[in-house]
């Protein structure tokens, strides 16, 4: 199985297995599927108190059968110092052969070993997708914050059904409105010149992004104001910069 996933963020996996051959095989499988992952392999558990102060792995994978404490006990030790880090317990045993409650021990997932470690790759891919989505959400939040702080303009993102999907910029500084006042089709209350436009046909007719200056009629409480605006039409959205 080859997922060949590429992610635009750093991700570090720490694997603890006392068998160097197993450790090498896990590394080979992970790096083949996720070449950008940083892989750290240890044949014995570190002092978790010290290690987690100096390192921040995104995922710790521990073999259940270790010479001293088993993997479950090691994860319990990890949870004393970090309650958020993802942990996988990997084993050749079935779940019912492990007589302890792995969830209470702080294990995020139990990985049953198979010949090509496909179970591990499936779980790891799922975790990476989750991390990627969160990373994107965090970047969008940061971008929105930056735009709101630096823009002296307002940017509306309009879809084919004339619904305003997003509002960027300091709306209150310009119009005395909240962003929610312009979402959905509420924005049409304030912009007369877009009432009767067929945006769908305009989207379909645009092969490239076009820019043109338009006159925006902004109306609130019976008062009409005029703004020079910039209109950008793409395949799926109309962007209005005011």
Foldseek 3Di string as FASTA:
>chain_A
DAPQDEADDEAEEEEEALDVVVQVLVVVLCCRRYVRYHYHYHNHDDQLQVVVVVDDHQEYEYEQDDDPHGPLVVLLNNCVRDLPRAYEYEYCDDPVVDPDDSVVSRHPYYQHDDDNSPSVVVVVVVVVVVVRVVVVVVVVVVVQVVQQVPDPKKKFKAFQVRFTDDIGYPCCVPPVDDRVCCGTNNVCVFWVVCPPDRLQVVLVVDPDWDKDWDWTWGDDPRDTDIDTWIWIHHNTIIMIID
